[in-house]
Amino acid sequence: MRHVVTSILVAGCVSSTAFAFQARSGGSAAGSACALLTRDLAMKVSTPEGRKLLEGTKASADSEGMAVAKQASTCYHGLVTLVLEPAARPDQVRKDMRAGTPLYKNHEPVAGVGDEAFFTSNSQFAYLYVWSSSHHFMIEMGKDLGGDAKTLKPNVVELGKAVVTKLR
């Protein structure tokens, strides 16, 4: 049930970004998202309430209902999601984020994460899109209790830096 609800929320919340994320023409994501997003790392970057939600759960690579490329590698740990190589045209998405096109007008640059990174949030989720060398990935973190998802920015940035380190 948790995955169904999460999938529905994710699909709705990233629908504006989904237009740019299409099926890849071939190949697979560089590495496995669950090999990078370990339980320990998810616990480290989660809020106290998020850590409570992680207790007794296992990672899931099920991306059913999520608007990402068919060959992307996805991993969920509670309210934390990592998607490796989510865009079919990452260079175009990156260019559009830099330019602040209407689809990406709320994506703010984040220094110090990979070669380039952008953060955005809505009332439920915080997102970080990162380009590092030949890789790109997306992090999504859901808010657990109260507050605004924008407060999760330090958490997703910390996770982004850790993933970049593991990709090298």
Protein backbone atom coordinates (compact mmCIF):
# COMPACT_ATOMS: atom_id res chain seq x y z
CA MET A 1 0.00 0.00 0.00
CA ARG A 2 2.85 2.38 0.86
CA HIS A 3 4.35 1.92 -2.61
CA VAL A 4 1.02 2.54 -4.30
CA VAL A 5 0.44 5.76 -2.37
CA THR A 6 4.06 6.86 -2.90
CA SER A 7 3.85 6.08 -6.61
CA ILE A 8 0.67 8.10 -6.98
CA LEU A 9 2.14 11.04 -5.06
CA VAL A 10 5.40 10.89 -7.00
CA ALA A 11 3.64 10.74 -10.36
CA GLY A 12 1.52 13.76 -9.49
CA CYS A 13 4.31 15.79 -7.95
CA VAL A 14 6.81 15.30 -10.75
CA SER A 15 4.35 15.53 -13.61
CA SER A 16 5.78 18.86 -14.75
CA THR A 17 9.26 17.38 -14.90
CA ALA A 18 8.03 14.16 -16.46
CA PHE A 19 7.57 15.77 -19.86
CA ALA A 20 11.34 16.00 -20.22
CA PHE A 21 12.00 12.53 -18.86
CA GLN A 22 11.41 10.02 -21.61
CA ALA A 23 12.40 6.43 -22.34
CA ARG A 24 16.06 5.95 -23.16
CA SER A 25 16.91 4.50 -26.53
CA GLY A 26 19.03 1.74 -25.06
CA GLY A 27 21.51 0.73 -22.41
CA SER A 28 20.99 0.76 -18.68
CA ALA A 29 21.56 3.18 -15.88
CA ALA A 30 25.13 3.50 -14.72
CA GLY A 31 25.20 1.27 -11.67
CA SER A 32 22.38 0.34 -9.38
CA ALA A 33 20.57 3.02 -7.42
CA CYS A 34 20.15 0.67 -4.44
CA ALA A 35 23.90 0.01 -4.38
CA LEU A 36 24.40 3.76 -3.95
CA LEU A 37 21.44 4.56 -1.69
CA THR A 38 22.17 2.24 1.18
CA ARG A 39 19.99 2.02 4.27
CA ASP A 40 22.77 3.61 6.34
CA LEU A 41 23.01 6.56 3.96
CA ALA A 42 19.22 7.00 3.90
CA MET A 43 19.21 6.97 7.71
CA LYS A 44 22.03 9.52 7.82
CA VAL A 45 20.28 12.07 5.57
CA SER A 46 16.74 11.55 6.87
CA THR A 47 15.05 13.68 9.49
CA PRO A 48 14.39 12.10 12.90
CA GLU A 49 10.81 11.31 11.85
CA GLY A 50 12.08 9.91 8.54
CA ARG A 51 14.48 7.61 10.39
CA LYS A 52 11.56 6.25 12.42
CA LEU A 53 9.73 5.47 9.17
CA LEU A 54 12.82 3.64 7.86
CA GLU A 55 12.95 1.26 10.82
CA GLY A 56 11.95 -2.20 9.71
CA THR A 57 11.69 -1.34 6.01
CA LYS A 58 13.75 -2.64 3.13
CA ALA A 59 14.93 -0.89 -0.02
CA SER A 60 12.76 -1.18 -3.09
CA ALA A 61 13.79 -0.82 -6.72
CA ASP A 62 10.17 -0.76 -7.91
CA SER A 63 9.57 2.37 -10.00
CA GLU A 64 6.03 1.42 -11.01
CA GLY A 65 3.96 4.56 -11.46
CA MET A 66 6.98 6.86 -11.38
CA ALA A 67 7.55 9.10 -14.40
CA VAL A 68 11.16 8.22 -15.25
CA ALA A 69 13.00 6.69 -18.19
CA LYS A 70 12.34 3.00 -18.72
CA GLN A 71 16.02 2.10 -18.27
CA ALA A 72 16.55 4.26 -15.19
CA SER A 73 17.68 2.63 -11.96
CA THR A 74 15.45 3.56 -9.03
CA CYS A 75 15.75 2.94 -5.30
CA TYR A 76 13.36 3.84 -2.48
CA HIS A 77 14.23 3.86 1.21
CA GLY A 78 11.19 5.13 3.06
CA LEU A 79 10.64 8.71 1.94
CA VAL A 80 13.99 8.91 0.11
CA THR A 81 14.26 8.05 -3.60
CA LEU A 82 17.28 7.96 -5.90
CA VAL A 83 16.89 7.69 -9.67
CA LEU A 84 20.02 7.19 -11.78
CA GLU A 85 20.01 8.43 -15.38
CA PRO A 86 16.35 9.55 -15.31
CA ALA A 87 16.32 11.70 -18.48
CA ALA A 88 16.53 10.60 -22.10
CA ARG A 89 18.00 13.99 -23.04
CA PRO A 90 19.96 15.07 -19.96
CA ASP A 91 21.86 17.82 -21.80
CA GLN A 92 18.61 19.45 -22.91
CA VAL A 93 17.09 19.21 -19.42
CA ARG A 94 20.25 20.73 -17.93
CA LYS A 95 20.21 23.56 -20.48
CA ASP A 96 16.53 24.26 -19.74
CA MET A 97 17.18 24.31 -15.98
CA ARG A 98 20.06 26.75 -16.45
CA ALA A 99 17.86 29.01 -18.60
CA GLY A 100 14.96 28.83 -16.16
CA THR A 101 12.49 27.91 -18.88
CA PRO A 102 8.84 27.88 -17.76
CA LEU A 103 8.96 24.17 -16.96
CA TYR A 104 12.00 24.70 -14.69
CA LYS A 105 11.45 28.27 -13.43
CA ASN A 106 11.44 27.14 -9.77
CA HIS A 107 14.67 25.11 -10.01
CA GLU A 108 17.46 26.94 -8.20
CA PRO A 109 21.16 26.22 -8.78
CA VAL A 110 23.02 24.53 -5.93
CA ALA A 111 26.78 24.97 -5.71
CA GLY A 112 29.14 22.23 -4.53
CA VAL A 113 27.19 19.18 -5.71
CA GLY A 114 28.67 17.47 -8.76
CA ASP A 115 29.32 19.56 -11.86
CA GLU A 116 25.92 21.20 -11.60
CA ALA A 117 22.82 20.72 -9.47
CA PHE A 118 19.35 22.21 -9.15
CA PHE A 119 16.91 22.13 -6.23
CA THR A 120 13.14 22.50 -6.24
CA SER A 121 10.34 21.58 -3.89
CA ASN A 122 6.60 21.58 -3.48
CA SER A 123 4.43 21.11 -0.41
CA GLN A 124 5.24 17.39 -0.12
CA PHE A 125 8.63 16.68 -1.75
CA ALA A 126 12.10 18.17 -2.16
CA TYR A 127 14.02 17.34 -5.36
CA LEU A 128 17.66 17.62 -6.35
CA TYR A 129 18.80 17.08 -9.94
CA VAL A 130 22.55 16.50 -10.29
CA TRP A 131 24.98 16.21 -13.20
CA SER A 132 28.40 14.78 -12.40
CA SER A 133 30.84 13.76 -15.10
CA SER A 134 28.90 11.49 -17.47
CA HIS A 135 26.15 10.75 -14.92
CA HIS A 136 22.98 12.48 -13.89
CA PHE A 137 20.57 11.59 -11.14
CA MET A 138 17.55 12.81 -9.24
CA ILE A 139 16.89 12.65 -5.52
CA GLU A 140 13.44 12.97 -4.08
CA MET A 141 12.76 13.27 -0.36
CA GLY A 142 9.26 13.43 1.06
CA LYS A 143 8.44 15.45 4.11
CA ASP A 144 7.43 13.30 7.02
CA LEU A 145 5.51 15.43 9.50
CA GLY A 146 4.37 19.02 9.17
CA GLY A 147 6.40 21.84 7.75
CA ASP A 148 7.38 22.56 4.17
CA ALA A 149 9.48 20.24 2.00
CA LYS A 150 11.83 23.16 1.25
CA THR A 151 13.28 22.63 4.73
CA LEU A 152 14.70 19.33 3.41
CA LYS A 153 17.17 21.12 1.13
CA PRO A 154 20.20 20.47 3.40
CA ASN A 155 19.24 16.78 3.55
CA VAL A 156 18.96 16.29 -0.22
CA VAL A 157 22.15 18.29 -0.80
CA GLU A 158 24.02 16.07 1.68
CA LEU A 159 22.69 12.97 -0.09
CA GLY A 160 23.62 14.42 -3.48
CA LYS A 161 27.21 14.97 -2.38
CA ALA A 162 27.41 11.41 -1.04
CA VAL A 163 26.07 9.92 -4.28
CA VAL A 164 28.53 11.97 -6.37
CA THR A 165 31.38 10.63 -4.23
CA LYS A 166 30.22 7.05 -4.75
CA LEU A 167 29.86 7.51 -8.53
CA ARG A 168 33.52 8.51 -8.90
